[in-house]
Amino acid sequence: MQGGWVYILTNKPRGTLYVGVTADLARRIWEHREGRVDGFTKRYGLKQLVFVERHDVITQAIQREKLIKHWSRAWKIELVHSVNPRWADLYDSIL
């Protein structure tokens, strides 16, 4: 079984947040950035990758995504801030 990634996208520092999970991070983030994914991220212009977390097993990544999605907004902001205090776009660093 392959691993997976949990990621958070935003439109600006401390802006709207989206938590997602994928097995192919580069492809998935490219899809969001190019507007190829209809729905929440496209509607709110969420293109900045501000958090990534690697898991060895995809089921672990899915469980972690579900957990983070149920967190309060303040906890999600603190999670991003703890690893990316400048809220820099991490997309180039994953390529």
Protein backbone atom coordinates (compact mmCIF):
# COMPACT_ATOMS: atom_id res chain seq x y z
CA MET A 1 0.00 0.00 0.00
CA GLN A 2 1.38 3.42 -0.90
CA GLY A 3 1.70 6.40 1.36
CA GLY A 4 -0.20 9.63 1.36
CA TRP A 5 -0.14 13.32 2.14
CA VAL A 6 -2.35 15.58 4.22
CA TYR A 7 -2.26 19.18 3.03
CA ILE A 8 -3.77 22.56 3.78
CA LEU A 9 -4.48 25.21 1.14
CA THR A 10 -5.38 28.86 1.69
CA ASN A 11 -5.97 32.01 -0.32
CA LYS A 12 -3.96 34.27 2.02
CA PRO A 13 -2.32 34.04 5.45
CA ARG A 14 -5.01 33.18 7.98
CA GLY A 15 -7.58 33.17 5.18
CA THR A 16 -9.99 30.45 4.15
CA LEU A 17 -8.57 26.97 4.82
CA TYR A 18 -9.03 23.66 3.03
CA VAL A 19 -7.74 20.34 4.37
CA GLY A 20 -7.18 17.56 1.84
CA VAL A 21 -5.52 14.19 1.39
CA THR A 22 -3.86 12.61 -1.64
CA ALA A 23 -1.42 9.93 -2.72
CA ASP A 24 0.14 12.23 -5.38
CA LEU A 25 0.77 15.62 -3.80
CA ALA A 26 2.41 17.40 -6.75
CA ARG A 27 -0.38 16.41 -9.15
CA ARG A 28 -3.17 17.26 -6.73
CA ILE A 29 -1.83 20.68 -5.81
CA TRP A 30 -1.25 21.44 -9.51
CA GLU A 31 -4.92 20.57 -10.14
CA HIS A 32 -6.02 22.99 -7.42
CA ARG A 33 -3.72 25.77 -8.68
CA GLU A 34 -4.87 25.39 -12.28
CA GLY A 35 -8.56 25.36 -11.30
CA ARG A 36 -9.07 21.78 -12.51
CA VAL A 37 -10.92 20.81 -9.34
CA ASP A 38 -14.48 22.15 -9.15
CA GLY A 39 -15.88 22.96 -5.75
CA PHE A 40 -14.72 24.67 -2.59
CA THR A 41 -11.08 25.33 -3.50
CA LYS A 42 -11.92 26.74 -6.91
CA ARG A 43 -14.80 28.87 -5.58
CA TYR A 44 -12.62 30.50 -2.90
CA GLY A 45 -9.36 30.65 -4.91
CA LEU A 46 -7.41 28.41 -2.55
CA LYS A 47 -4.06 27.93 -4.29
CA GLN A 48 -1.39 28.45 -1.64
CA LEU A 49 -0.02 25.25 -0.12
CA VAL A 50 0.84 26.14 3.47
CA PHE A 51 1.00 22.74 5.22
CA VAL A 52 2.03 19.23 4.20
CA GLU A 53 2.36 16.08 6.24
CA ARG A 54 3.64 12.75 4.83
CA HIS A 55 2.30 9.38 5.99
CA ASP A 56 3.72 5.98 5.06
CA VAL A 57 0.27 4.44 4.65
CA ILE A 58 -2.60 6.17 2.84
CA THR A 59 -5.13 5.01 5.43
CA GLN A 60 -3.15 6.87 8.11
CA ALA A 61 -3.23 10.01 5.98
CA ILE A 62 -6.99 9.68 5.52
CA GLN A 63 -7.50 9.27 9.28
CA ARG A 64 -5.32 12.31 9.99
CA GLU A 65 -7.20 14.42 7.41
CA LYS A 66 -10.54 13.52 9.01
CA LEU A 67 -9.15 14.40 12.44
CA ILE A 68 -7.82 17.80 11.33
CA LYS A 69 -11.07 18.61 9.48
CA HIS A 70 -12.92 18.33 12.81
CA TRP A 71 -10.52 20.67 14.59
CA SER A 72 -11.48 24.25 15.29
CA ARG A 73 -10.23 26.93 12.92
CA ALA A 74 -7.88 28.21 15.64
CA TRP A 75 -6.23 24.79 15.96
CA LYS A 76 -5.76 24.55 12.18
CA ILE A 77 -4.18 28.00 12.12
CA GLU A 78 -1.87 27.02 14.96
CA LEU A 79 -0.91 23.81 13.11
CA VAL A 80 0.10 25.78 10.02
CA HIS A 81 1.84 28.45 12.08
CA SER A 82 3.85 25.83 14.01
CA VAL A 83 5.57 24.55 10.85
CA ASN A 84 5.20 27.53 8.50
CA PRO A 85 5.10 30.75 10.56
CA ARG A 86 5.42 32.99 7.48
CA TRP A 87 2.59 31.14 5.70
CA ALA A 88 4.89 30.73 2.70
CA ASP A 89 3.60 28.86 -0.36
CA LEU A 90 5.28 25.43 -0.21
CA TYR A 91 4.36 24.35 -3.74
CA ASP A 92 7.81 24.95 -5.27
CA SER A 93 9.49 23.00 -2.48
CA ILE A 94 7.49 19.82 -3.29
CA LEU A 95 8.36 19.73 -6.98
